[in-house]
Amino acid sequence: PMITGTVTYLVRMALQPEAAIDVRIEDVSLADAPAKLVA
């Protein structure tokens, strides 16, 4: 299974080729604990 989508921003700025894009799924079930990385 997978999450699909798009990443964007709304300022007029060209993104450098070497820019690193990091997308992650987190478990945020516990309000009093840090989010847990899933993927």
All heavy atoms as atom14 arrays in JSON, in Angstrom:
{
  "sequence": "PMITGTVTYLVRMALQPEAAIDVRIEDVSLADAPAKLVA",
  "atom14_mask": [
    [1, 1, 1, 1, 1, 1, 1, 0, 0, 0, 0, 0, 0, 0],
    [1, 1, 1, 1, 1, 1, 1, 1, 0, 0, 0, 0, 0, 0],
    [1, 1, 1, 1, 1, 1, 1, 1, 0, 0, 0, 0, 0, 0],
    [1, 1, 1, 1, 1, 1, 1, 0, 0, 0, 0, 0, 0, 0],
    [1, 1, 1, 1, 0, 0, 0, 0, 0, 0, 0, 0, 0, 0],
    [1, 1, 1, 1, 1, 1, 1, 0, 0, 0, 0, 0, 0, 0],
    [1, 1, 1, 1, 1, 1, 1, 0, 0, 0, 0, 0, 0, 0],
    [1, 1, 1, 1, 1, 1, 1, 0, 0, 0, 0, 0, 0, 0],
    [1, 1, 1, 1, 1, 1, 1, 1, 1, 1, 1, 1, 0, 0],
    [1, 1, 1, 1, 1, 1, 1, 1, 0, 0, 0, 0, 0, 0],
    [1, 1, 1, 1, 1, 1, 1, 0, 0, 0, 0, 0, 0, 0],
    [1, 1, 1, 1, 1, 1, 1, 1, 1, 1, 1, 0, 0, 0],
    [1, 1, 1, 1, 1, 1, 1, 1, 0, 0, 0, 0, 0, 0],
    [1, 1, 1, 1, 1, 0, 0, 0, 0, 0, 0, 0, 0, 0],
    [1, 1, 1, 1, 1, 1, 1, 1, 0, 0, 0, 0, 0, 0],
    [1, 1, 1, 1, 1, 1, 1, 1, 1, 0, 0, 0, 0, 0],
    [1, 1, 1, 1, 1, 1, 1, 0, 0, 0, 0, 0, 0, 0],
    [1, 1, 1, 1, 1, 1, 1, 1, 1, 0, 0, 0, 0, 0],
    [1, 1, 1, 1, 1, 0, 0, 0, 0, 0, 0, 0, 0, 0],
    [1, 1, 1, 1, 1, 0, 0, 0, 0, 0, 0, 0, 0, 0],
    [1, 1, 1, 1, 1, 1, 1, 1, 0, 0, 0, 0, 0, 0],
    [1, 1, 1, 1, 1, 1, 1, 1, 0, 0, 0, 0, 0, 0],
    [1, 1, 1, 1, 1, 1, 1, 0, 0, 0, 0, 0, 0, 0],
    [1, 1, 1, 1, 1, 1, 1, 1, 1, 1, 1, 0, 0, 0],
    [1, 1, 1, 1, 1, 1, 1, 1, 0, 0, 0, 0, 0, 0],
    [1, 1, 1, 1, 1, 1, 1, 1, 1, 0, 0, 0, 0, 0],
    [1, 1, 1, 1, 1, 1, 1, 1, 0, 0, 0, 0, 0, 0],
    [1, 1, 1, 1, 1, 1, 1, 0, 0, 0, 0, 0, 0, 0],
    [1, 1, 1, 1, 1, 1, 0, 0, 0, 0, 0, 0, 0, 0],
    [1, 1, 1, 1, 1, 1, 1, 1, 0, 0, 0, 0, 0, 0],
    [1, 1, 1, 1, 1, 0, 0, 0, 0, 0, 0, 0, 0, 0],
    [1, 1, 1, 1, 1, 1, 1, 1, 0, 0, 0, 0, 0, 0],
    [1, 1, 1, 1, 1, 0, 0, 0, 0, 0, 0, 0, 0, 0],
    [1, 1, 1, 1, 1, 1, 1, 0, 0, 0, 0, 0, 0, 0],
    [1, 1, 1, 1, 1, 0, 0, 0, 0, 0, 0, 0, 0, 0],
    [1, 1, 1, 1, 1, 1, 1, 1, 1, 0, 0, 0, 0, 0],
    [1, 1, 1, 1, 1, 1, 1, 1, 0, 0, 0, 0, 0, 0],
    [1, 1, 1, 1, 1, 1, 1, 0, 0, 0, 0, 0, 0, 0],
    [1, 1, 1, 1, 1, 0, 0, 0, 0, 0, 0, 0, 0, 0]
  ],
  "atom14_positions": [
    [[0.85, -1.19, 0.0], [0.0, 0.0, 0.0], [0.89, 1.24, 0.0], [2.05, 1.18, 0.4], [-0.79, -0.14, 1.31], [0.1, -0.96, 2.19], [0.82, -1.92, 1.28], [0.0, 0.0, 0.0], [0.0, 0.0, 0.0], [0.0, 0.0, 0.0], [0.0, 0.0, 0.0], [0.0, 0.0, 0.0], [0.0, 0.0, 0.0], [0.0, 0.0, 0.0]],
    [[0.35, 2.36, -0.44], [1.18, 3.56, -0.48], [0.33, 4.81, -0.37], [-0.88, 4.81, -0.65], [2.01, 3.61, -1.76], [1.22, 3.76, -3.05], [2.3, 3.96, -4.5], [3.25, 2.44, -4.46], [0.0, 0.0, 0.0], [0.0, 0.0, 0.0], [0.0, 0.0, 0.0], [0.0, 0.0, 0.0], [0.0, 0.0, 0.0], [0.0, 0.0, 0.0]],
    [[1.0, 5.88, 0.08], [0.43, 7.21, 0.05], [0.94, 7.89, -1.22], [2.13, 7.84, -1.52], [0.85, 8.03, 1.28], [0.38, 7.35, 2.57], [0.31, 9.45, 1.2], [-1.12, 7.25, 2.71], [0.0, 0.0, 0.0], [0.0, 0.0, 0.0], [0.0, 0.0, 0.0], [0.0, 0.0, 0.0], [0.0, 0.0, 0.0], [0.0, 0.0, 0.0]],
    [[0.06, 8.51, -1.96], [0.44, 9.26, -3.15], [0.06, 10.72, -2.95], [-0.76, 11.06, -2.09], [-0.24, 8.72, -4.41], [-1.67, 8.85, -4.26], [0.1, 7.25, -4.62], [0.0, 0.0, 0.0], [0.0, 0.0, 0.0], [0.0, 0.0, 0.0], [0.0, 0.0, 0.0], [0.0, 0.0, 0.0], [0.0, 0.0, 0.0], [0.0, 0.0, 0.0]],
    [[0.66, 11.58, -3.74], [0.31, 12.98, -3.64], [1.31, 13.87, -4.33], [2.1, 13.43, -5.18], [0.0, 0.0, 0.0], [0.0, 0.0, 0.0], [0.0, 0.0, 0.0], [0.0, 0.0, 0.0], [0.0, 0.0, 0.0], [0.0, 0.0, 0.0], [0.0, 0.0, 0.0], [0.0, 0.0, 0.0], [0.0, 0.0, 0.0], [0.0, 0.0, 0.0]],
    [[1.27, 15.15, -3.97], [2.17, 16.14, -4.54], [2.74, 17.01, -3.42], [2.12, 17.19, -2.37], [1.45, 17.05, -5.55], [0.31, 17.64, -4.93], [1.01, 16.25, -6.76], [0.0, 0.0, 0.0], [0.0, 0.0, 0.0], [0.0, 0.0, 0.0], [0.0, 0.0, 0.0], [0.0, 0.0, 0.0], [0.0, 0.0, 0.0], [0.0, 0.0, 0.0]],
    [[3.92, 17.54, -3.68], [4.58, 18.49, -2.78], [4.68, 19.82, -3.52], [5.17, 19.86, -4.66], [5.98, 18.01, -2.39], [6.74, 19.09, -1.63], [5.89, 16.74, -1.55], [0.0, 0.0, 0.0], [0.0, 0.0, 0.0], [0.0, 0.0, 0.0], [0.0, 0.0, 0.0], [0.0, 0.0, 0.0], [0.0, 0.0, 0.0], [0.0, 0.0, 0.0]],
    [[4.22, 20.9, -2.9], [4.31, 22.2, -3.54], [4.5, 23.29, -2.5], [4.39, 23.05, -1.3], [3.05, 22.49, -4.4], [3.31, 23.62, -5.25], [1.85, 22.79, -3.51], [0.0, 0.0, 0.0], [0.0, 0.0, 0.0], [0.0, 0.0, 0.0], [0.0, 0.0, 0.0], [0.0, 0.0, 0.0], [0.0, 0.0, 0.0], [0.0, 0.0, 0.0]],
    [[4.8, 24.5, -2.96], [4.81, 25.7, -2.12], [4.33, 26.85, -2.99], [4.26, 26.73, -4.22], [6.21, 25.98, -1.55], [7.33, 25.95, -2.54], [7.57, 27.02, -3.4], [8.16, 24.83, -2.65], [8.6, 27.0, -4.32], [9.2, 24.8, -3.58], [9.41, 25.88, -4.41], [10.43, 25.85, -5.33], [0.0, 0.0, 0.0], [0.0, 0.0, 0.0]],
    [[3.97, 27.98, -2.37], [3.25, 29.01, -3.09], [4.04, 30.29, -3.32], [3.49, 31.29, -3.74], [1.95, 29.34, -2.36], [1.0, 28.14, -2.21], [-0.22, 28.52, -1.39], [0.57, 27.63, -3.57], [0.0, 0.0, 0.0], [0.0, 0.0, 0.0], [0.0, 0.0, 0.0], [0.0, 0.0, 0.0], [0.0, 0.0, 0.0], [0.0, 0.0, 0.0]],
    [[5.34, 30.27, -3.04], [6.17, 31.42, -3.37], [6.84, 31.17, -4.72], [7.03, 30.02, -5.12], [7.24, 31.69, -2.28], [6.59, 31.97, -0.95], [8.21, 30.52, -2.17], [0.0, 0.0, 0.0], [0.0, 0.0, 0.0], [0.0, 0.0, 0.0], [0.0, 0.0, 0.0], [0.0, 0.0, 0.0], [0.0, 0.0, 0.0], [0.0, 0.0, 0.0]],
    [[7.19, 32.25, -5.41], [7.84, 32.1, -6.72], [9.32, 31.88, -6.5], [10.11, 32.81, -6.36], [7.58, 33.34, -7.57], [6.12, 33.51, -7.98], [5.94, 34.77, -8.79], [6.72, 34.72, -10.03], [6.89, 35.77, -10.83], [6.37, 36.93, -10.51], [7.62, 35.67, -11.92], [0.0, 0.0, 0.0], [0.0, 0.0, 0.0], [0.0, 0.0, 0.0]],
    [[9.69, 30.63, -6.47], [11.08, 30.27, -6.21], [11.42, 29.01, -6.98], [10.72, 28.0, -6.87], [11.28, 30.04, -4.71], [12.65, 29.49, -4.34], [12.84, 29.36, -2.56], [14.43, 28.5, -2.49], [0.0, 0.0, 0.0], [0.0, 0.0, 0.0], [0.0, 0.0, 0.0], [0.0, 0.0, 0.0], [0.0, 0.0, 0.0], [0.0, 0.0, 0.0]],
    [[12.47, 29.08, -7.76], [12.93, 27.9, -8.5], [13.65, 26.96, -7.53], [14.49, 27.4, -6.75], [13.85, 28.3, -9.62], [0.0, 0.0, 0.0], [0.0, 0.0, 0.0], [0.0, 0.0, 0.0], [0.0, 0.0, 0.0], [0.0, 0.0, 0.0], [0.0, 0.0, 0.0], [0.0, 0.0, 0.0], [0.0, 0.0, 0.0], [0.0, 0.0, 0.0]],
    [[13.3, 25.7, -7.57], [13.89, 24.71, -6.68], [15.19, 24.18, -7.28], [15.22, 23.73, -8.43], [12.91, 23.56, -6.46], [13.18, 22.62, -5.28], [13.2, 23.4, -3.97], [12.1, 21.53, -5.24], [0.0, 0.0, 0.0], [0.0, 0.0, 0.0], [0.0, 0.0, 0.0], [0.0, 0.0, 0.0], [0.0, 0.0, 0.0], [0.0, 0.0, 0.0]],
    [[16.28, 24.26, -6.51], [17.56, 23.78, -7.01], [17.54, 22.27, -7.25], [16.87, 21.54, -6.52], [18.68, 24.11, -6.02], [18.98, 25.61, -5.93], [18.64, 26.18, -4.57], [17.51, 26.04, -4.11], [19.6, 26.82, -3.94], [0.0, 0.0, 0.0], [0.0, 0.0, 0.0], [0.0, 0.0, 0.0], [0.0, 0.0, 0.0], [0.0, 0.0, 0.0]],
    [[18.25, 21.79, -8.26], [18.24, 20.35, -8.57], [18.68, 19.48, -7.4], [18.23, 18.35, -7.24], [19.21, 20.24, -9.74], [19.21, 21.58, -10.37], [19.03, 22.56, -9.24], [0.0, 0.0, 0.0], [0.0, 0.0, 0.0], [0.0, 0.0, 0.0], [0.0, 0.0, 0.0], [0.0, 0.0, 0.0], [0.0, 0.0, 0.0], [0.0, 0.0, 0.0]],
    [[19.6, 20.01, -6.57], [20.1, 19.2, -5.45], [19.22, 19.26, -4.21], [19.55, 18.64, -3.19], [21.53, 19.65, -5.09], [21.62, 21.05, -4.49], [21.8, 22.14, -5.53], [21.46, 21.88, -6.71], [22.28, 23.23, -5.17], [0.0, 0.0, 0.0], [0.0, 0.0, 0.0], [0.0, 0.0, 0.0], [0.0, 0.0, 0.0], [0.0, 0.0, 0.0]],
    [[18.12, 19.99, -4.26], [17.23, 20.07, -3.11], [16.73, 18.67, -2.73], [16.36, 17.87, -3.59], [16.05, 20.97, -3.4], [0.0, 0.0, 0.0], [0.0, 0.0, 0.0], [0.0, 0.0, 0.0], [0.0, 0.0, 0.0], [0.0, 0.0, 0.0], [0.0, 0.0, 0.0], [0.0, 0.0, 0.0], [0.0, 0.0, 0.0], [0.0, 0.0, 0.0]],
    [[16.73, 18.38, -1.42], [16.27, 17.09, -0.92], [14.84, 17.23, -0.41], [14.54, 18.09, 0.41], [17.17, 16.6, 0.21], [0.0, 0.0, 0.0], [0.0, 0.0, 0.0], [0.0, 0.0, 0.0], [0.0, 0.0, 0.0], [0.0, 0.0, 0.0], [0.0, 0.0, 0.0], [0.0, 0.0, 0.0], [0.0, 0.0, 0.0], [0.0, 0.0, 0.0]],
    [[13.96, 16.38, -0.91], [12.55, 16.37, -0.51], [12.31, 15.15, 0.36], [12.59, 14.03, -0.05], [11.63, 16.35, -1.74], [11.95, 17.54, -2.66], [10.16, 16.36, -1.33], [11.25, 17.49, -4.0], [0.0, 0.0, 0.0], [0.0, 0.0, 0.0], [0.0, 0.0, 0.0], [0.0, 0.0, 0.0], [0.0, 0.0, 0.0], [0.0, 0.0, 0.0]],
    [[11.82, 15.38, 1.56], [11.64, 14.32, 2.56], [10.16, 14.25, 2.92], [9.59, 15.2, 3.47], [12.48, 14.65, 3.8], [12.38, 13.58, 4.89], [11.56, 12.67, 4.76], [13.11, 13.69, 5.89], [0.0, 0.0, 0.0], [0.0, 0.0, 0.0], [0.0, 0.0, 0.0], [0.0, 0.0, 0.0], [0.0, 0.0, 0.0], [0.0, 0.0, 0.0]],
    [[9.52, 13.14, 2.56], [8.1, 12.92, 2.87], [8.0, 11.74, 3.82], [8.64, 10.7, 3.58], [7.27, 12.65, 1.6], [5.79, 12.57, 1.93], [7.53, 13.71, 0.54], [0.0, 0.0, 0.0], [0.0, 0.0, 0.0], [0.0, 0.0, 0.0], [0.0, 0.0, 0.0], [0.0, 0.0, 0.0], [0.0, 0.0, 0.0], [0.0, 0.0, 0.0]],
    [[7.22, 11.88, 4.88], [7.16, 10.8, 5.86], [5.76, 10.61, 6.42], [4.97, 11.55, 6.5], [8.13, 11.06, 7.01], [7.94, 12.41, 7.7], [8.9, 12.58, 8.87], [10.3, 12.51, 8.46], [11.31, 12.41, 9.32], [11.07, 12.4, 10.62], [12.55, 12.36, 8.87], [0.0, 0.0, 0.0], [0.0, 0.0, 0.0], [0.0, 0.0, 0.0]],
    [[5.46, 9.35, 6.76], [4.23, 9.01, 7.48], [4.58, 8.85, 8.95], [5.56, 8.18, 9.29], [3.61, 7.69, 6.97], [3.33, 7.75, 5.47], [2.32, 7.36, 7.73], [2.9, 6.41, 4.88], [0.0, 0.0, 0.0], [0.0, 0.0, 0.0], [0.0, 0.0, 0.0], [0.0, 0.0, 0.0], [0.0, 0.0, 0.0], [0.0, 0.0, 0.0]],
    [[3.78, 9.47, 9.82], [4.04, 9.38, 11.26], [2.78, 8.95, 12.0], [1.66, 9.32, 11.63], [4.52, 10.73, 11.8], [5.86, 11.17, 11.25], [6.29, 12.51, 11.76], [5.43, 13.26, 12.27], [7.5, 12.84, 11.67], [0.0, 0.0, 0.0], [0.0, 0.0, 0.0], [0.0, 0.0, 0.0], [0.0, 0.0, 0.0], [0.0, 0.0, 0.0]],
    [[2.98, 8.17, 13.04], [1.91, 7.78, 13.94], [1.82, 8.86, 15.01], [2.75, 9.08, 15.79], [2.23, 6.42, 14.58], [1.09, 5.89, 15.44], [0.32, 6.69, 15.99], [1.0, 4.65, 15.58], [0.0, 0.0, 0.0], [0.0, 0.0, 0.0], [0.0, 0.0, 0.0], [0.0, 0.0, 0.0], [0.0, 0.0, 0.0], [0.0, 0.0, 0.0]],
    [[0.68, 9.57, 15.06], [0.51, 10.68, 16.0], [-0.6, 10.39, 16.99], [-1.27, 11.29, 17.48], [0.22, 11.99, 15.23], [1.42, 12.41, 14.41], [-1.01, 11.83, 14.33], [0.0, 0.0, 0.0], [0.0, 0.0, 0.0], [0.0, 0.0, 0.0], [0.0, 0.0, 0.0], [0.0, 0.0, 0.0], [0.0, 0.0, 0.0], [0.0, 0.0, 0.0]],
    [[-0.77, 9.12, 17.33], [-1.87, 8.71, 18.2], [-1.72, 9.22, 19.63], [-2.71, 9.51, 20.3], [-1.98, 7.18, 18.21], [-2.14, 6.69, 16.9], [0.0, 0.0, 0.0], [0.0, 0.0, 0.0], [0.0, 0.0, 0.0], [0.0, 0.0, 0.0], [0.0, 0.0, 0.0], [0.0, 0.0, 0.0], [0.0, 0.0, 0.0], [0.0, 0.0, 0.0]],
    [[-0.47, 9.32, 20.11], [-0.25, 9.71, 21.5], [0.04, 11.2, 21.56], [1.06, 11.69, 21.07], [0.92, 8.91, 22.09], [0.73, 7.39, 22.12], [1.96, 6.71, 22.7], [-0.5, 7.03, 22.95], [0.0, 0.0, 0.0], [0.0, 0.0, 0.0], [0.0, 0.0, 0.0], [0.0, 0.0, 0.0], [0.0, 0.0, 0.0], [0.0, 0.0, 0.0]],
    [[-0.87, 11.94, 22.22], [-0.73, 13.39, 22.29], [0.44, 13.83, 23.14], [1.01, 14.9, 22.95], [-2.02, 14.01, 22.82], [0.0, 0.0, 0.0], [0.0, 0.0, 0.0], [0.0, 0.0, 0.0], [0.0, 0.0, 0.0], [0.0, 0.0, 0.0], [0.0, 0.0, 0.0], [0.0, 0.0, 0.0], [0.0, 0.0, 0.0], [0.0, 0.0, 0.0]],
    [[0.83, 13.01, 24.11], [1.89, 13.4, 25.05], [3.22, 12.72, 24.72], [4.1, 12.62, 25.57], [1.48, 13.07, 26.48], [1.15, 11.6, 26.68], [1.01, 10.89, 25.66], [1.02, 11.16, 27.83], [0.0, 0.0, 0.0], [0.0, 0.0, 0.0], [0.0, 0.0, 0.0], [0.0, 0.0, 0.0], [0.0, 0.0, 0.0], [0.0, 0.0, 0.0]],
    [[3.37, 12.23, 23.49], [4.61, 11.56, 23.09], [4.99, 12.0, 21.68], [4.13, 12.42, 20.89], [4.43, 10.04, 23.13], [0.0, 0.0, 0.0], [0.0, 0.0, 0.0], [0.0, 0.0, 0.0], [0.0, 0.0, 0.0], [0.0, 0.0, 0.0], [0.0, 0.0, 0.0], [0.0, 0.0, 0.0], [0.0, 0.0, 0.0], [0.0, 0.0, 0.0]],
    [[6.28, 11.95, 21.35], [6.7, 12.33, 20.0], [6.06, 11.43, 18.95], [5.74, 10.26, 19.21], [8.22, 12.13, 20.05], [8.58, 12.17, 21.49], [7.42, 11.59, 22.22], [0.0, 0.0, 0.0], [0.0, 0.0, 0.0], [0.0, 0.0, 0.0], [0.0, 0.0, 0.0], [0.0, 0.0, 0.0], [0.0, 0.0, 0.0], [0.0, 0.0, 0.0]],
    [[5.85, 11.99, 17.75], [5.31, 11.19, 16.65], [6.28, 10.06, 16.31], [7.5, 10.21, 16.41], [5.08, 12.07, 15.43], [0.0, 0.0, 0.0], [0.0, 0.0, 0.0], [0.0, 0.0, 0.0], [0.0, 0.0, 0.0], [0.0, 0.0, 0.0], [0.0, 0.0, 0.0], [0.0, 0.0, 0.0], [0.0, 0.0, 0.0], [0.0, 0.0, 0.0]],
    [[5.74, 8.92, 15.92], [6.55, 7.74, 15.61], [6.61, 7.55, 14.1], [5.59, 7.5, 13.41], [5.93, 6.5, 16.26], [6.75, 5.23, 16.07], [6.09, 4.06, 16.79], [6.91, 2.78, 16.6], [6.27, 1.63, 17.29], [0.0, 0.0, 0.0], [0.0, 0.0, 0.0], [0.0, 0.0, 0.0], [0.0, 0.0, 0.0], [0.0, 0.0, 0.0]],
    [[7.83, 7.47, 13.58], [8.03, 7.32, 12.14], [7.56, 5.94, 11.67], [7.94, 4.92, 12.23], [9.5, 7.51, 11.79], [9.88, 7.38, 10.32], [9.22, 8.5, 9.5], [11.39, 7.43, 10.16], [0.0, 0.0, 0.0], [0.0, 0.0, 0.0], [0.0, 0.0, 0.0], [0.0, 0.0, 0.0], [0.0, 0.0, 0.0], [0.0, 0.0, 0.0]],
    [[6.75, 5.93, 10.63], [6.25, 4.68, 10.04], [6.94, 4.41, 8.71], [7.36, 3.29, 8.44], [4.71, 4.74, 9.85], [4.2, 3.49, 9.12], [4.01, 4.89, 11.19], [0.0, 0.0, 0.0], [0.0, 0.0, 0.0], [0.0, 0.0, 0.0], [0.0, 0.0, 0.0], [0.0, 0.0, 0.0], [0.0, 0.0, 0.0], [0.0, 0.0, 0.0]],
    [[7.05, 5.4, 7.86], [7.71, 5.25, 6.56], [8.22, 6.59, 6.1], [7.67, 7.64, 6.46], [6.76, 4.64, 5.53], [0.0, 0.0, 0.0], [0.0, 0.0, 0.0], [0.0, 0.0, 0.0], [0.0, 0.0, 0.0], [0.0, 0.0, 0.0], [0.0, 0.0, 0.0], [0.0, 0.0, 0.0], [0.0, 0.0, 0.0], [0.0, 0.0, 0.0]]
  ]
}
